[in-house]
Amino acid sequence: MYTLTIVVHVIVCLILIGVVLLQAGKGAEMGAAFGGSSQTVFGSRGAATFLSKLTVGAAVVFMLTSLTLSILSADRSLIPTTTKSTTSSSAPAEADSNSTSEDTE
């Protein structure tokens, strides 16, 4: 599940980058008005709505995969949140018999 989510996340990242780079800037219409070439691959106004919808869709999937990865990575944490004692409680160590024999003499 974690690996699949990472693969989907990376693919959506690449799609989002490509879609944003395909969109024309806000100043592109002004350049076309003065004789510049207008790049109308998807039609005169169709590109803006198609690419903007694709951007929104990719952004929503990106956010969902980001949240999913953050939830899944909390389970895969390297540092445990609770520490468990590995040693069992035992009786205290007994006193050394050599040190008490000197006191009795």
Protein backbone atom coordinates (compact mmCIF):
# COMPACT_ATOMS: atom_id res chain seq x y z
CA MET A 1 0.00 0.00 0.00
CA TYR A 2 2.80 2.40 0.92
CA THR A 3 4.80 1.70 -2.25
CA LEU A 4 1.72 2.00 -4.46
CA THR A 5 0.87 5.35 -2.90
CA ILE A 6 4.41 6.62 -3.52
CA VAL A 7 4.26 5.53 -7.17
CA VAL A 8 0.89 7.27 -7.66
CA HIS A 9 2.22 10.36 -5.87
CA VAL A 10 5.29 10.62 -8.13
CA ILE A 11 3.20 10.15 -11.29
CA VAL A 12 0.74 12.84 -10.17
CA CYS A 13 3.67 15.16 -9.38
CA LEU A 14 5.00 14.77 -12.92
CA ILE A 15 1.54 15.31 -14.42
CA LEU A 16 1.03 18.41 -12.29
CA ILE A 17 4.38 19.84 -13.35
CA GLY A 18 3.61 19.18 -17.01
CA VAL A 19 0.13 20.68 -16.86
CA VAL A 20 1.36 23.84 -15.13
CA LEU A 21 4.14 24.27 -17.68
CA LEU A 22 1.69 23.80 -20.57
CA GLN A 23 -0.51 26.63 -19.40
CA ALA A 24 0.08 29.98 -21.02
CA GLY A 25 0.91 32.91 -18.79
CA LYS A 26 -1.53 35.79 -18.26
CA GLY A 27 0.45 38.02 -20.61
CA ALA A 28 0.21 35.64 -23.58
CA GLU A 29 -3.00 37.20 -24.92
CA MET A 30 -1.40 40.63 -25.06
CA GLY A 31 1.52 39.33 -27.11
CA ALA A 32 -0.84 37.64 -29.57
CA ALA A 33 -2.79 40.89 -30.02
CA PHE A 34 0.28 42.66 -31.41
CA GLY A 35 1.11 40.08 -34.05
CA GLY A 36 2.75 37.39 -31.96
CA SER A 37 1.87 33.80 -32.62
CA SER A 38 -1.03 32.54 -30.58
CA GLN A 39 -0.68 28.94 -29.56
CA THR A 40 -4.21 27.59 -29.89
CA VAL A 41 -3.75 23.85 -29.71
CA PHE A 42 -6.99 23.22 -27.80
CA GLY A 43 -8.99 26.04 -29.35
CA SER A 44 -9.24 29.72 -28.50
CA ARG A 45 -10.73 29.32 -25.02
CA GLY A 46 -10.90 25.53 -24.69
CA ALA A 47 -7.31 25.18 -23.49
CA ALA A 48 -7.84 27.31 -20.41
CA THR A 49 -10.81 25.32 -19.18
CA PHE A 50 -9.31 21.92 -20.07
CA LEU A 51 -5.92 22.63 -18.53
CA SER A 52 -7.40 24.34 -15.48
CA LYS A 53 -9.67 21.35 -14.80
CA LEU A 54 -6.73 19.00 -15.27
CA THR A 55 -4.68 21.13 -12.86
CA VAL A 56 -7.40 21.06 -10.22
CA GLY A 57 -7.82 17.29 -10.58
CA ALA A 58 -4.09 16.66 -10.32
CA ALA A 59 -3.84 18.99 -7.32
CA VAL A 60 -6.65 17.17 -5.51
CA VAL A 61 -5.04 13.77 -6.12
CA PHE A 62 -1.67 15.21 -5.05
CA MET A 63 -3.12 16.45 -1.76
CA LEU A 64 -4.89 13.15 -1.08
CA THR A 65 -1.75 11.12 -1.71
CA SER A 66 0.23 13.52 0.48
CA LEU A 67 -2.17 13.05 3.37
CA THR A 68 -2.23 9.29 2.84
CA LEU A 69 1.56 9.12 2.84
CA SER A 70 1.76 11.15 6.05
CA ILE A 71 -0.69 8.81 7.77
CA LEU A 72 1.05 5.69 6.49
CA SER A 73 4.50 6.98 7.39
CA ALA A 74 3.42 7.48 11.01
CA ASP A 75 3.00 3.71 11.21
CA ARG A 76 6.44 3.14 9.70
CA SER A 77 8.26 5.38 12.16
CA LEU A 78 11.79 4.35 13.09
CA ILE A 79 11.48 5.60 16.66
CA PRO A 80 8.82 3.77 18.66
CA THR A 81 6.43 5.98 20.58
CA THR A 82 6.28 3.63 23.58
CA THR A 83 9.26 1.92 25.11
CA LYS A 84 8.89 -1.57 26.48
CA SER A 85 11.18 -2.92 29.16
CA THR A 86 13.13 -5.92 27.89
CA THR A 87 14.42 -7.00 31.32
CA SER A 88 12.14 -8.51 33.90
CA SER A 89 12.18 -7.23 37.45
CA SER A 90 14.50 -9.32 39.62
CA ALA A 91 15.51 -9.41 43.27
CA PRO A 92 18.23 -6.98 44.37
CA ALA A 93 21.79 -8.22 44.23
CA GLU A 94 23.03 -10.05 47.34
CA ALA A 95 25.74 -8.49 49.48
CA ASP A 96 29.28 -9.79 49.11
CA SER A 97 30.22 -12.16 51.99
CA ASN A 98 33.89 -10.98 52.07
CA SER A 99 33.05 -7.46 53.17
CA THR A 100 30.92 -8.60 56.12
CA SER A 101 33.49 -11.06 57.47
CA GLU A 102 35.93 -8.23 58.29
CA ASP A 103 33.40 -6.50 60.48
CA THR A 104 32.91 -9.55 62.71
CA GLU A 105 36.59 -10.05 63.55
